[in-house]
Amino acid sequence: MAENLNLLSIILAIVKSRINDKRSQFFACAIGLLLFSCSPPSDDLALAKYEISQNDYLGAIIRLNMHLQENENDDSALVLRAICYTKVWKDSLAMRDLKLSLNKNPYNNEAKLILSKILLSEDNYSKALQLLAEVVNDVNSRLASDAWIETGRIHYFSENYNDAIEAFSQAVAKDSSNAMAWYYRGLVKSRFFTPSGETDSVYYPFLDFEEAYVDFSQCILLMPDLADAYFQRAMVHFNRFDDRSGLMDINKAIELAPNYTYYYLARAHQHFLMKRYDDALTDLNFSILKNPKDPNAFIERSQLHKILNHPREADIDSIEALKLQSN
């Protein structure tokens, strides 16, 4: 604020020295004062939020550092900086800020939610669940819904699939506009799972492609740019023997995420099953071009070359797949 006042005084001094007419000086100074009153002082916190909206997380961190120098007890700013640290892969610094935030405000549920995500990434499920249990009933419905999603993900990774379904359903109930709640519930309902110690995928009672289709469709309605929602719905279509709709959805997923080679590999496999071998070969070639270290792509292409009676190419791809698998 003091810097802005100094700047204003300089401008007014220049006006007085350059304009001789007293009346013109008066109007020039009045306009300067009006412009100054309409221009808010520099706000590091507001600028940090703007930079976050532009995905400039390092710039936001610098702004938040400046803000926290003068507002060290602002627990919300600490959470904001923690979020930025997670975006630039500095989880240890994020965890430091989140713990500082909770020391200043033990009821900051947003801090607990973000901390639980970091703990989940470190496989510390029990501590993460303990924190999430304090957030799932938050008055903020989106925060509570997100907490249920993280709870469901922990159950999913722990192979407690029925508990995962229940948690994702709670997430939908808390906030039906939360696209990811629908996405994750659809993900569980559309999966064949292989329990630890077993080799064959088995059906679970909650496996329901019709319900999974509804969940992914609702997710797409709420978040139409989420490529994987289209991809997962495509897999549901294929399991329902609706190849045309499946290809439409997987094409949309590729349109939204053109550099994600797994989508090309999956589409190639579907073309292979439909005996559209030329299309399959095109997708496999692109997948290998973009990701030459994926043995699965070479295995698929080797099988395709055998069908197309290309024994030399089939052998080359098979050898390359074995090399990659041994590394």
C-alpha atoms as a PDB file:
ATOM      1  CA  MET A   1       0.000   0.000   0.000  1.00  0.00           C
ATOM      2  CA  ALA A   2       2.825   2.408   0.883  1.00  0.00           C
ATOM      3  CA  GLU A   3       4.485   1.689  -2.464  1.00  0.00           C
ATOM      4  CA  ASN A   4       1.248   2.547  -4.289  1.00  0.00           C
ATOM      5  CA  LEU A   5       0.957   5.848  -2.376  1.00  0.00           C
ATOM      6  CA  ASN A   6       4.539   6.762  -3.282  1.00  0.00           C
ATOM      7  CA  LEU A   7       3.805   6.009  -6.923  1.00  0.00           C
ATOM      8  CA  LEU A   8       0.673   8.171  -6.810  1.00  0.00           C
ATOM      9  CA  SER A   9       2.580  11.119  -5.317  1.00  0.00           C
ATOM     10  CA  ILE A  10       5.169  10.882  -8.096  1.00  0.00           C
ATOM     11  CA  ILE A  11       2.449  10.870 -10.761  1.00  0.00           C
ATOM     12  CA  LEU A  12       0.741  13.911  -9.233  1.00  0.00           C
ATOM     13  CA  ALA A  13       4.064  15.772  -9.064  1.00  0.00           C
ATOM     14  CA  ILE A  14       4.652  15.094 -12.765  1.00  0.00           C
ATOM     15  CA  VAL A  15       1.138  16.318 -13.582  1.00  0.00           C
ATOM     16  CA  LYS A  16       1.740  19.604 -11.738  1.00  0.00           C
ATOM     17  CA  SER A  17       5.111  20.151 -13.409  1.00  0.00           C
ATOM     18  CA  ARG A  18       3.872  19.423 -16.952  1.00  0.00           C
ATOM     19  CA  ILE A  19       0.421  21.076 -16.900  1.00  0.00           C
ATOM     20  CA  ASN A  20       0.391  24.802 -16.316  1.00  0.00           C
ATOM     21  CA  ASP A  21      -3.368  25.380 -16.346  1.00  0.00           C
ATOM     22  CA  LYS A  22      -4.702  25.112 -12.752  1.00  0.00           C
ATOM     23  CA  ARG A  23      -8.068  23.819 -13.890  1.00  0.00           C
ATOM     24  CA  SER A  24      -6.425  21.126 -16.055  1.00  0.00           C
ATOM     25  CA  GLN A  25      -4.187  20.219 -13.100  1.00  0.00           C
ATOM     26  CA  PHE A  26      -7.275  19.787 -10.921  1.00  0.00           C
ATOM     27  CA  PHE A  27      -9.029  17.469 -13.373  1.00  0.00           C
ATOM     28  CA  ALA A  28      -5.855  15.454 -14.063  1.00  0.00           C
ATOM     29  CA  CYS A  29      -5.280  14.943 -10.330  1.00  0.00           C
ATOM     30  CA  ALA A  30      -8.932  14.026  -9.791  1.00  0.00           C
ATOM     31  CA  ILE A  31      -8.751  11.415 -12.544  1.00  0.00           C
ATOM     32  CA  GLY A  32      -5.521  10.031 -11.039  1.00  0.00           C
ATOM     33  CA  LEU A  33      -7.133   9.735  -7.590  1.00  0.00           C
ATOM     34  CA  LEU A  34     -10.190   8.032  -9.105  1.00  0.00           C
ATOM     35  CA  LEU A  35      -8.067   5.506 -10.959  1.00  0.00           C
ATOM     36  CA  PHE A  36      -6.037   4.827  -7.821  1.00  0.00           C
ATOM     37  CA  SER A  37      -9.160   4.287  -5.714  1.00  0.00           C
ATOM     38  CA  CYS A  38     -10.487   1.787  -8.295  1.00  0.00           C
ATOM     39  CA  SER A  39      -7.219  -0.184  -8.416  1.00  0.00           C
ATOM     40  CA  PRO A  40      -6.900  -2.621  -5.519  1.00  0.00           C
ATOM     41  CA  PRO A  41      -3.532  -2.951  -3.808  1.00  0.00           C
ATOM     42  CA  SER A  42      -1.330  -5.900  -4.767  1.00  0.00           C
ATOM     43  CA  ASP A  43      -2.620  -9.089  -3.098  1.00  0.00           C
ATOM     44  CA  ASP A  44      -0.200 -12.024  -3.111  1.00  0.00           C
ATOM     45  CA  LEU A  45      -2.919 -14.487  -2.109  1.00  0.00           C
ATOM     46  CA  ALA A  46      -5.222 -13.402  -4.940  1.00  0.00           C
ATOM     47  CA  LEU A  47      -2.333 -13.514  -7.391  1.00  0.00           C
ATOM     48  CA  ALA A  48      -1.403 -16.992  -6.175  1.00  0.00           C
ATOM     49  CA  LYS A  49      -4.962 -18.205  -6.807  1.00  0.00           C
ATOM     50  CA  TYR A  50      -4.848 -16.700 -10.280  1.00  0.00           C
ATOM     51  CA  GLU A  51      -1.545 -18.431 -11.035  1.00  0.00           C
ATOM     52  CA  ILE A  52      -3.000 -21.730  -9.817  1.00  0.00           C
ATOM     53  CA  SER A  53      -5.893 -21.241 -12.266  1.00  0.00           C
ATOM     54  CA  GLN A  54      -3.229 -20.906 -14.987  1.00  0.00           C
ATOM     55  CA  ASN A  55      -1.404 -24.049 -13.775  1.00  0.00           C
ATOM     56  CA  ASP A  56       1.618 -21.951 -12.777  1.00  0.00           C
ATOM     57  CA  TYR A  57       2.216 -23.770  -9.502  1.00  0.00           C
ATOM     58  CA  LEU A  58       5.805 -22.622  -8.998  1.00  0.00           C
ATOM     59  CA  GLY A  59       4.713 -19.004  -9.440  1.00  0.00           C
ATOM     60  CA  ALA A  60       1.880 -19.579  -6.974  1.00  0.00           C
ATOM     61  CA  ILE A  61       4.301 -21.036  -4.427  1.00  0.00           C
ATOM     62  CA  ILE A  62       6.438 -17.884  -4.633  1.00  0.00           C
ATOM     63  CA  ARG A  63       3.359 -15.691  -4.097  1.00  0.00           C
ATOM     64  CA  LEU A  64       2.186 -17.829  -1.188  1.00  0.00           C
ATOM     65  CA  ASN A  65       5.648 -17.625   0.389  1.00  0.00           C
ATOM     66  CA  MET A  66       5.338 -13.828   0.316  1.00  0.00           C
ATOM     67  CA  HIS A  67       1.798 -13.943   1.697  1.00  0.00           C
ATOM     68  CA  LEU A  68       2.755 -16.290   4.535  1.00  0.00           C
ATOM     69  CA  GLN A  69       5.674 -14.089   5.576  1.00  0.00           C
ATOM     70  CA  GLU A  70       3.108 -11.531   6.717  1.00  0.00           C
ATOM     71  CA  ASN A  71       0.274 -13.965   7.522  1.00  0.00           C
ATOM     72  CA  GLU A  72       1.988 -16.936   9.137  1.00  0.00           C
ATOM     73  CA  ASN A  73      -1.205 -18.104  10.885  1.00  0.00           C
ATOM     74  CA  ASP A  74      -3.216 -18.400   7.665  1.00  0.00           C
ATOM     75  CA  ASP A  75      -3.876 -22.135   7.700  1.00  0.00           C
ATOM     76  CA  SER A  76      -5.858 -21.961   4.432  1.00  0.00           C
ATOM     77  CA  ALA A  77      -2.845 -20.465   2.625  1.00  0.00           C
ATOM     78  CA  LEU A  78      -0.707 -23.312   3.947  1.00  0.00           C
ATOM     79  CA  VAL A  79      -3.188 -25.792   2.469  1.00  0.00           C
ATOM     80  CA  LEU A  80      -3.102 -23.921  -0.829  1.00  0.00           C
ATOM     81  CA  ARG A  81       0.693 -24.073  -0.903  1.00  0.00           C
ATOM     82  CA  ALA A  82       0.549 -27.771  -0.051  1.00  0.00           C
ATOM     83  CA  ILE A  83      -1.691 -28.351  -3.063  1.00  0.00           C
ATOM     84  CA  CYS A  84       0.852 -26.554  -5.246  1.00  0.00           C
ATOM     85  CA  TYR A  85       3.658 -28.698  -3.841  1.00  0.00           C
ATOM     86  CA  THR A  86       1.742 -31.878  -4.747  1.00  0.00           C
ATOM     87  CA  LYS A  87       1.425 -30.582  -8.307  1.00  0.00           C
ATOM     88  CA  VAL A  88       5.211 -30.245  -8.629  1.00  0.00           C
ATOM     89  CA  TRP A  89       5.921 -33.622  -6.976  1.00  0.00           C
ATOM     90  CA  LYS A  90       7.103 -32.229  -3.636  1.00  0.00           C
ATOM     91  CA  ASP A  91       4.957 -34.361  -1.342  1.00  0.00           C
ATOM     92  CA  SER A  92       7.310 -34.019   1.635  1.00  0.00           C
ATOM     93  CA  LEU A  93       6.948 -30.227   1.545  1.00  0.00           C
ATOM     94  CA  ALA A  94       3.200 -30.578   1.076  1.00  0.00           C
ATOM     95  CA  MET A  95       2.999 -32.835   4.116  1.00  0.00           C
ATOM     96  CA  ARG A  96       4.997 -30.294   6.135  1.00  0.00           C
ATOM     97  CA  ASP A  97       2.551 -27.514   5.234  1.00  0.00           C
ATOM     98  CA  LEU A  98      -0.495 -29.671   5.945  1.00  0.00           C
ATOM     99  CA  LYS A  99       0.777 -30.608   9.391  1.00  0.00           C
ATOM    100  CA  LEU A 100       1.535 -26.940  10.107  1.00  0.00           C
ATOM    101  CA  SER A 101      -1.982 -26.053   8.982  1.00  0.00           C
ATOM    102  CA  LEU A 102      -3.533 -28.654  11.280  1.00  0.00           C
ATOM    103  CA  ASN A 103      -1.407 -27.441  14.182  1.00  0.00           C
ATOM    104  CA  LYS A 104      -2.892 -23.990  13.687  1.00  0.00           C
ATOM    105  CA  ASN A 105      -6.406 -25.266  12.970  1.00  0.00           C
ATOM    106  CA  PRO A 106      -7.143 -28.896  13.949  1.00  0.00           C
ATOM    107  CA  TYR A 107     -10.568 -28.630  12.295  1.00  0.00           C
ATOM    108  CA  ASN A 108      -9.280 -27.877   8.799  1.00  0.00           C
ATOM    109  CA  ASN A 109     -10.857 -30.813   6.969  1.00  0.00           C
ATOM    110  CA  GLU A 110      -9.457 -29.789   3.605  1.00  0.00           C
ATOM    111  CA  ALA A 111      -5.966 -30.254   5.040  1.00  0.00           C
ATOM    112  CA  LYS A 112      -6.965 -33.688   6.336  1.00  0.00           C
ATOM    113  CA  LEU A 113      -8.323 -34.707   2.948  1.00  0.00           C
ATOM    114  CA  ILE A 114      -5.170 -33.722   1.055  1.00  0.00           C
ATOM    115  CA  LEU A 115      -2.951 -35.302   3.696  1.00  0.00           C
ATOM    116  CA  SER A 116      -4.939 -38.539   3.384  1.00  0.00           C
ATOM    117  CA  LYS A 117      -4.264 -38.567  -0.378  1.00  0.00           C
ATOM    118  CA  ILE A 118      -0.528 -38.326   0.241  1.00  0.00           C
ATOM    119  CA  LEU A 119      -0.713 -41.075   2.862  1.00  0.00           C
ATOM    120  CA  LEU A 120      -2.669 -43.233   0.401  1.00  0.00           C
ATOM    121  CA  SER A 121       0.086 -42.766  -2.208  1.00  0.00           C
ATOM    122  CA  GLU A 122       2.545 -44.002   0.440  1.00  0.00           C
ATOM    123  CA  ASP A 123       0.334 -47.060   1.172  1.00  0.00           C
ATOM    124  CA  ASN A 124      -0.346 -45.813   4.705  1.00  0.00           C
ATOM    125  CA  TYR A 125      -3.986 -46.845   4.502  1.00  0.00           C
ATOM    126  CA  SER A 126      -4.789 -47.011   8.205  1.00  0.00           C
ATOM    127  CA  LYS A 127      -3.669 -43.448   8.933  1.00  0.00           C
ATOM    128  CA  ALA A 128      -5.416 -42.184   5.804  1.00  0.00           C
ATOM    129  CA  LEU A 129      -8.690 -43.866   6.818  1.00  0.00           C
ATOM    130  CA  GLN A 130      -8.400 -42.363  10.286  1.00  0.00           C
ATOM    131  CA  LEU A 131      -8.196 -38.859   8.814  1.00  0.00           C
ATOM    132  CA  LEU A 132     -10.948 -39.476   6.268  1.00  0.00           C
ATOM    133  CA  ALA A 133     -13.347 -40.626   8.987  1.00  0.00           C
ATOM    134  CA  GLU A 134     -13.178 -37.059  10.342  1.00  0.00           C
ATOM    135  CA  VAL A 135     -14.030 -35.540   6.942  1.00  0.00           C
ATOM    136  CA  VAL A 136     -16.818 -37.705   5.486  1.00  0.00           C
ATOM    137  CA  ASN A 137     -19.480 -35.864   7.506  1.00  0.00           C
ATOM    138  CA  ASP A 138     -18.239 -32.353   6.742  1.00  0.00           C
ATOM    139  CA  VAL A 139     -20.997 -29.785   6.108  1.00  0.00           C
ATOM    140  CA  ASN A 140     -19.328 -29.015   2.776  1.00  0.00           C
ATOM    141  CA  SER A 141     -20.971 -31.677   0.610  1.00  0.00           C
ATOM    142  CA  ARG A 142     -18.211 -31.712  -2.039  1.00  0.00           C
ATOM    143  CA  LEU A 143     -15.504 -32.082   0.601  1.00  0.00           C
ATOM    144  CA  ALA A 144     -17.439 -34.929   2.240  1.00  0.00           C
ATOM    145  CA  SER A 145     -18.016 -36.567  -1.154  1.00  0.00           C
ATOM    146  CA  ASP A 146     -14.313 -36.358  -2.005  1.00  0.00           C
ATOM    147  CA  ALA A 147     -13.486 -37.922   1.357  1.00  0.00           C
ATOM    148  CA  TRP A 148     -15.806 -40.841   0.582  1.00  0.00           C
ATOM    149  CA  ILE A 149     -14.077 -41.234  -2.795  1.00  0.00           C
ATOM    150  CA  GLU A 150     -10.670 -41.517  -1.127  1.00  0.00           C
ATOM    151  CA  THR A 151     -12.138 -43.980   1.374  1.00  0.00           C
ATOM    152  CA  GLY A 152     -13.479 -46.035  -1.522  1.00  0.00           C
ATOM    153  CA  ARG A 153     -10.132 -45.978  -3.303  1.00  0.00           C
ATOM    154  CA  ILE A 154      -8.410 -47.353  -0.198  1.00  0.00           C
ATOM    155  CA  HIS A 155     -10.943 -50.198  -0.018  1.00  0.00           C
ATOM    156  CA  TYR A 156     -10.478 -50.786  -3.751  1.00  0.00           C
ATOM    157  CA  PHE A 157      -6.696 -51.073  -3.423  1.00  0.00           C
ATOM    158  CA  SER A 158      -7.169 -53.317  -0.380  1.00  0.00           C
ATOM    159  CA  GLU A 159      -9.463 -55.603  -2.452  1.00  0.00           C
ATOM    160  CA  ASN A 160     -12.424 -54.813  -0.187  1.00  0.00           C
ATOM    161  CA  TYR A 161     -14.654 -54.289  -3.198  1.00  0.00           C
ATOM    162  CA  ASN A 162     -18.021 -54.347  -1.450  1.00  0.00           C
ATOM    163  CA  ASP A 163     -16.804 -51.648   0.951  1.00  0.00           C
ATOM    164  CA  ALA A 164     -15.483 -49.702  -2.037  1.00  0.00           C
ATOM    165  CA  ILE A 165     -18.911 -49.797  -3.722  1.00  0.00           C
ATOM    166  CA  GLU A 166     -20.546 -48.590  -0.507  1.00  0.00           C
ATOM    167  CA  ALA A 167     -18.062 -45.733  -0.125  1.00  0.00           C
ATOM    168  CA  PHE A 168     -18.490 -44.574  -3.731  1.00  0.00           C
ATOM    169  CA  SER A 169     -22.262 -44.746  -3.319  1.00  0.00           C
ATOM    170  CA  GLN A 170     -21.953 -42.544  -0.235  1.00  0.00           C
ATOM    171  CA  ALA A 171     -19.874 -40.127  -2.329  1.00  0.00           C
ATOM    172  CA  VAL A 172     -22.686 -39.948  -4.901  1.00  0.00           C
ATOM    173  CA  ALA A 173     -25.275 -39.454  -2.150  1.00  0.00           C
ATOM    174  CA  LYS A 174     -23.279 -36.614  -0.585  1.00  0.00           C
ATOM    175  CA  ASP A 175     -22.839 -34.768  -3.885  1.00  0.00           C
ATOM    176  CA  SER A 176     -24.457 -36.149  -7.020  1.00  0.00           C
ATOM    177  CA  SER A 177     -22.639 -33.517  -9.114  1.00  0.00           C
ATOM    178  CA  ASN A 178     -19.270 -35.050  -8.228  1.00  0.00           C
ATOM    179  CA  ALA A 179     -18.307 -36.708 -11.517  1.00  0.00           C
ATOM    180  CA  MET A 180     -15.474 -38.759 -10.030  1.00  0.00           C
ATOM    181  CA  ALA A 181     -17.840 -40.455  -7.569  1.00  0.00           C
ATOM    182  CA  TRP A 182     -19.813 -41.863 -10.511  1.00  0.00           C
ATOM    183  CA  TYR A 183     -16.600 -42.738 -12.341  1.00  0.00           C
ATOM    184  CA  TYR A 184     -15.080 -44.771  -9.511  1.00  0.00           C
ATOM    185  CA  ARG A 185     -18.319 -46.607  -8.745  1.00  0.00           C
ATOM    186  CA  GLY A 186     -18.629 -47.515 -12.418  1.00  0.00           C
ATOM    187  CA  LEU A 187     -15.037 -48.689 -12.383  1.00  0.00           C
ATOM    188  CA  VAL A 188     -15.704 -51.234  -9.646  1.00  0.00           C
ATOM    189  CA  LYS A 189     -19.005 -52.394 -11.149  1.00  0.00           C
ATOM    190  CA  SER A 190     -17.418 -53.069 -14.535  1.00  0.00           C
ATOM    191  CA  ARG A 191     -14.413 -55.060 -13.344  1.00  0.00           C
ATOM    192  CA  PHE A 192     -13.421 -58.693 -13.210  1.00  0.00           C
ATOM    193  CA  PHE A 193     -11.093 -59.000 -10.238  1.00  0.00           C
ATOM    194  CA  THR A 194      -8.266 -61.407  -9.549  1.00  0.00           C
ATOM    195  CA  PRO A 195      -7.931 -61.891  -5.772  1.00  0.00           C
ATOM    196  CA  SER A 196      -4.453 -62.219  -4.296  1.00  0.00           C
ATOM    197  CA  GLY A 197      -3.086 -65.731  -4.647  1.00  0.00           C
ATOM    198  CA  GLU A 198      -5.396 -66.653  -7.526  1.00  0.00           C
ATOM    199  CA  THR A 199      -4.701 -66.673 -11.249  1.00  0.00           C
ATOM    200  CA  ASP A 200      -8.159 -66.456 -12.851  1.00  0.00           C
ATOM    201  CA  SER A 201     -10.449 -63.452 -12.809  1.00  0.00           C
ATOM    202  CA  VAL A 202     -13.767 -64.133 -11.120  1.00  0.00           C
ATOM    203  CA  TYR A 203     -17.180 -62.483 -10.985  1.00  0.00           C
ATOM    204  CA  TYR A 204     -18.252 -60.632  -7.877  1.00  0.00           C
ATOM    205  CA  PRO A 205     -21.890 -60.122  -6.877  1.00  0.00           C
ATOM    206  CA  PHE A 206     -21.777 -56.377  -7.610  1.00  0.00           C
ATOM    207  CA  LEU A 207     -20.475 -56.784 -11.185  1.00  0.00           C
ATOM    208  CA  ASP A 208     -23.168 -55.097 -13.274  1.00  0.00           C
ATOM    209  CA  PHE A 209     -22.429 -53.715 -16.732  1.00  0.00           C
ATOM    210  CA  GLU A 210     -25.813 -52.008 -16.972  1.00  0.00           C
ATOM    211  CA  GLU A 211     -25.214 -50.036 -13.764  1.00  0.00           C
ATOM    212  CA  ALA A 212     -21.617 -49.350 -14.785  1.00  0.00           C
ATOM    213  CA  TYR A 213     -22.889 -47.916 -18.073  1.00  0.00           C
ATOM    214  CA  VAL A 214     -25.218 -45.571 -16.172  1.00  0.00           C
ATOM    215  CA  ASP A 215     -22.401 -44.460 -13.849  1.00  0.00           C
ATOM    216  CA  PHE A 216     -19.934 -43.726 -16.654  1.00  0.00           C
ATOM    217  CA  SER A 217     -22.625 -41.926 -18.652  1.00  0.00           C
ATOM    218  CA  GLN A 218     -23.445 -39.704 -15.685  1.00  0.00           C
ATOM    219  CA  CYS A 219     -19.739 -39.010 -15.196  1.00  0.00           C
ATOM    220  CA  ILE A 220     -19.428 -37.994 -18.857  1.00  0.00           C
ATOM    221  CA  LEU A 221     -22.467 -35.741 -18.541  1.00  0.00           C
ATOM    222  CA  LEU A 222     -20.818 -33.958 -15.606  1.00  0.00           C
ATOM    223  CA  MET A 223     -17.240 -34.032 -16.952  1.00  0.00           C
ATOM    224  CA  PRO A 224     -17.343 -34.378 -20.746  1.00  0.00           C
ATOM    225  CA  ASP A 225     -13.574 -33.948 -21.141  1.00  0.00           C
ATOM    226  CA  LEU A 226     -12.581 -36.939 -18.992  1.00  0.00           C
ATOM    227  CA  ALA A 227     -11.046 -39.296 -21.547  1.00  0.00           C
ATOM    228  CA  ASP A 228     -10.956 -42.346 -19.301  1.00  0.00           C
ATOM    229  CA  ALA A 229     -14.701 -42.189 -18.656  1.00  0.00           C
ATOM    230  CA  TYR A 230     -15.260 -42.733 -22.389  1.00  0.00           C
ATOM    231  CA  PHE A 231     -12.645 -45.473 -22.431  1.00  0.00           C
ATOM    232  CA  GLN A 232     -14.201 -47.321 -19.506  1.00  0.00           C
ATOM    233  CA  ARG A 233     -17.661 -47.002 -21.012  1.00  0.00           C
ATOM    234  CA  ALA A 234     -16.207 -48.414 -24.239  1.00  0.00           C
ATOM    235  CA  MET A 235     -15.042 -51.474 -22.300  1.00  0.00           C
ATOM    236  CA  VAL A 236     -18.593 -51.856 -20.962  1.00  0.00           C
ATOM    237  CA  HIS A 237     -19.973 -51.688 -24.512  1.00  0.00           C
ATOM    238  CA  PHE A 238     -17.546 -54.369 -25.668  1.00  0.00           C
ATOM    239  CA  ASN A 239     -18.566 -56.614 -22.774  1.00  0.00           C
ATOM    240  CA  ARG A 240     -22.186 -56.099 -23.834  1.00  0.00           C
ATOM    241  CA  PHE A 241     -21.204 -57.047 -27.431  1.00  0.00           C
ATOM    242  CA  ASP A 242     -21.979 -53.537 -28.671  1.00  0.00           C
ATOM    243  CA  ASP A 243     -18.845 -53.053 -30.776  1.00  0.00           C
ATOM    244  CA  ARG A 244     -20.124 -50.015 -32.677  1.00  0.00           C
ATOM    245  CA  SER A 245     -20.830 -47.979 -29.524  1.00  0.00           C
ATOM    246  CA  GLY A 246     -17.595 -49.217 -27.965  1.00  0.00           C
ATOM    247  CA  LEU A 247     -15.509 -47.988 -30.886  1.00  0.00           C
ATOM    248  CA  MET A 248     -17.297 -44.619 -30.822  1.00  0.00           C
ATOM    249  CA  ASP A 249     -16.394 -44.175 -27.165  1.00  0.00           C
ATOM    250  CA  ILE A 250     -12.806 -45.350 -27.497  1.00  0.00           C
ATOM    251  CA  ASN A 251     -12.373 -43.017 -30.485  1.00  0.00           C
ATOM    252  CA  LYS A 252     -13.581 -40.160 -28.289  1.00  0.00           C
ATOM    253  CA  ALA A 253     -11.142 -41.152 -25.546  1.00  0.00           C
ATOM    254  CA  ILE A 254      -8.288 -41.060 -28.077  1.00  0.00           C
ATOM    255  CA  GLU A 255      -9.485 -37.686 -29.366  1.00  0.00           C
ATOM    256  CA  LEU A 256      -9.304 -36.294 -25.816  1.00  0.00           C
ATOM    257  CA  ALA A 257      -6.005 -38.010 -24.910  1.00  0.00           C
ATOM    258  CA  PRO A 258      -4.191 -38.597 -28.225  1.00  0.00           C
ATOM    259  CA  ASN A 259      -0.833 -39.394 -26.608  1.00  0.00           C
ATOM    260  CA  TYR A 260      -2.088 -42.096 -24.246  1.00  0.00           C
ATOM    261  CA  THR A 261      -0.851 -45.220 -26.035  1.00  0.00           C
ATOM    262  CA  TYR A 262      -2.840 -47.693 -23.928  1.00  0.00           C
ATOM    263  CA  TYR A 263      -6.021 -46.524 -25.655  1.00  0.00           C
ATOM    264  CA  TYR A 264      -4.534 -47.352 -29.065  1.00  0.00           C
ATOM    265  CA  LEU A 265      -3.439 -50.751 -27.795  1.00  0.00           C
ATOM    266  CA  ALA A 266      -6.933 -51.480 -26.477  1.00  0.00           C
ATOM    267  CA  ARG A 267      -8.541 -50.346 -29.732  1.00  0.00           C
ATOM    268  CA  ALA A 268      -6.088 -52.494 -31.697  1.00  0.00           C
ATOM    269  CA  HIS A 269      -7.092 -55.502 -29.606  1.00  0.00           C
ATOM    270  CA  GLN A 270     -10.749 -54.840 -30.354  1.00  0.00           C
ATOM    271  CA  HIS A 271     -10.039 -54.463 -34.076  1.00  0.00           C
ATOM    272  CA  PHE A 272      -8.162 -57.775 -33.852  1.00  0.00           C
ATOM    273  CA  LEU A 273     -11.189 -59.496 -32.297  1.00  0.00           C
ATOM    274  CA  MET A 274     -13.408 -57.999 -35.014  1.00  0.00           C
ATOM    275  CA  LYS A 275     -10.932 -59.250 -37.682  1.00  0.00           C
ATOM    276  CA  ARG A 276     -10.243 -55.700 -38.815  1.00  0.00           C
ATOM    277  CA  TYR A 277      -6.571 -56.506 -39.120  1.00  0.00           C
ATOM    278  CA  ASP A 278      -5.439 -53.448 -41.084  1.00  0.00           C
ATOM    279  CA  ASP A 279      -6.946 -51.121 -38.473  1.00  0.00           C
ATOM    280  CA  ALA A 280      -5.399 -53.198 -35.704  1.00  0.00           C
ATOM    281  CA  LEU A 281      -1.968 -52.998 -37.323  1.00  0.00           C
ATOM    282  CA  THR A 282      -2.248 -49.212 -37.717  1.00  0.00           C
ATOM    283  CA  ASP A 283      -3.041 -48.785 -34.006  1.00  0.00           C
ATOM    284  CA  LEU A 284      -0.288 -51.168 -32.926  1.00  0.00           C
ATOM    285  CA  ASN A 285       2.283 -49.414 -35.089  1.00  0.00           C
ATOM    286  CA  PHE A 286       1.327 -46.059 -33.577  1.00  0.00           C
ATOM    287  CA  SER A 287       1.348 -47.449 -30.033  1.00  0.00           C
ATOM    288  CA  ILE A 288       4.856 -48.876 -30.518  1.00  0.00           C
ATOM    289  CA  LEU A 289       6.054 -45.664 -32.163  1.00  0.00           C
ATOM    290  CA  LYS A 290       4.907 -43.665 -29.125  1.00  0.00           C
ATOM    291  CA  ASN A 291       5.885 -46.227 -26.493  1.00  0.00           C
ATOM    292  CA  PRO A 292       8.554 -48.632 -27.807  1.00  0.00           C
ATOM    293  CA  LYS A 293       9.131 -50.143 -24.357  1.00  0.00           C
ATOM    294  CA  ASP A 294       5.715 -51.791 -23.976  1.00  0.00           C
ATOM    295  CA  PRO A 295       6.099 -55.567 -24.491  1.00  0.00           C
ATOM    296  CA  ASN A 296       2.315 -56.047 -24.760  1.00  0.00           C
ATOM    297  CA  ALA A 297       2.188 -54.053 -27.986  1.00  0.00           C
ATOM    298  CA  PHE A 298       4.901 -56.234 -29.531  1.00  0.00           C
ATOM    299  CA  ILE A 299       3.112 -59.403 -28.385  1.00  0.00           C
ATOM    300  CA  GLU A 300      -0.151 -58.240 -29.959  1.00  0.00           C
ATOM    301  CA  ARG A 301       1.590 -57.241 -33.200  1.00  0.00           C
ATOM    302  CA  SER A 302       3.474 -60.545 -33.320  1.00  0.00           C
ATOM    303  CA  GLN A 303       0.185 -62.442 -33.125  1.00  0.00           C
ATOM    304  CA  LEU A 304      -1.278 -60.227 -35.820  1.00  0.00           C
ATOM    305  CA  HIS A 305       1.694 -60.801 -38.120  1.00  0.00           C
ATOM    306  CA  LYS A 306       1.217 -64.559 -37.731  1.00  0.00           C
ATOM    307  CA  ILE A 307      -2.404 -64.258 -38.868  1.00  0.00           C
ATOM    308  CA  LEU A 308      -1.323 -62.060 -41.785  1.00  0.00           C
ATOM    309  CA  ASN A 309       1.299 -64.684 -42.697  1.00  0.00           C
ATOM    310  CA  HIS A 310       4.267 -62.436 -41.919  1.00  0.00           C
ATOM    311  CA  PRO A 311       6.500 -64.978 -40.127  1.00  0.00           C
ATOM    312  CA  ARG A 312       9.677 -62.877 -40.161  1.00  0.00           C
ATOM    313  CA  GLU A 313       7.943 -59.803 -38.673  1.00  0.00           C
ATOM    314  CA  ALA A 314       6.174 -62.008 -36.134  1.00  0.00           C
ATOM    315  CA  ASP A 315       9.491 -63.457 -34.946  1.00  0.00           C
ATOM    316  CA  ILE A 316      11.126 -60.022 -34.701  1.00  0.00           C
ATOM    317  CA  ASP A 317       8.269 -58.682 -32.561  1.00  0.00           C
ATOM    318  CA  SER A 318       8.237 -61.802 -30.399  1.00  0.00           C
ATOM    319  CA  ILE A 319      11.977 -61.485 -29.705  1.00  0.00           C
ATOM    320  CA  GLU A 320      11.608 -57.779 -28.896  1.00  0.00           C
ATOM    321  CA  ALA A 321       8.782 -58.540 -26.463  1.00  0.00           C
ATOM    322  CA  LEU A 322      10.942 -61.108 -24.658  1.00  0.00           C
ATOM    323  CA  LYS A 323      13.807 -58.580 -24.402  1.00  0.00           C
ATOM    324  CA  LEU A 324      11.507 -55.972 -22.896  1.00  0.00           C
ATOM    325  CA  GLN A 325       9.966 -58.455 -20.445  1.00  0.00           C
ATOM    326  CA  SER A 326      13.415 -59.530 -19.236  1.00  0.00           C
ATOM    327  CA  ASN A 327      14.534 -55.962 -18.488  1.00  0.00           C
END
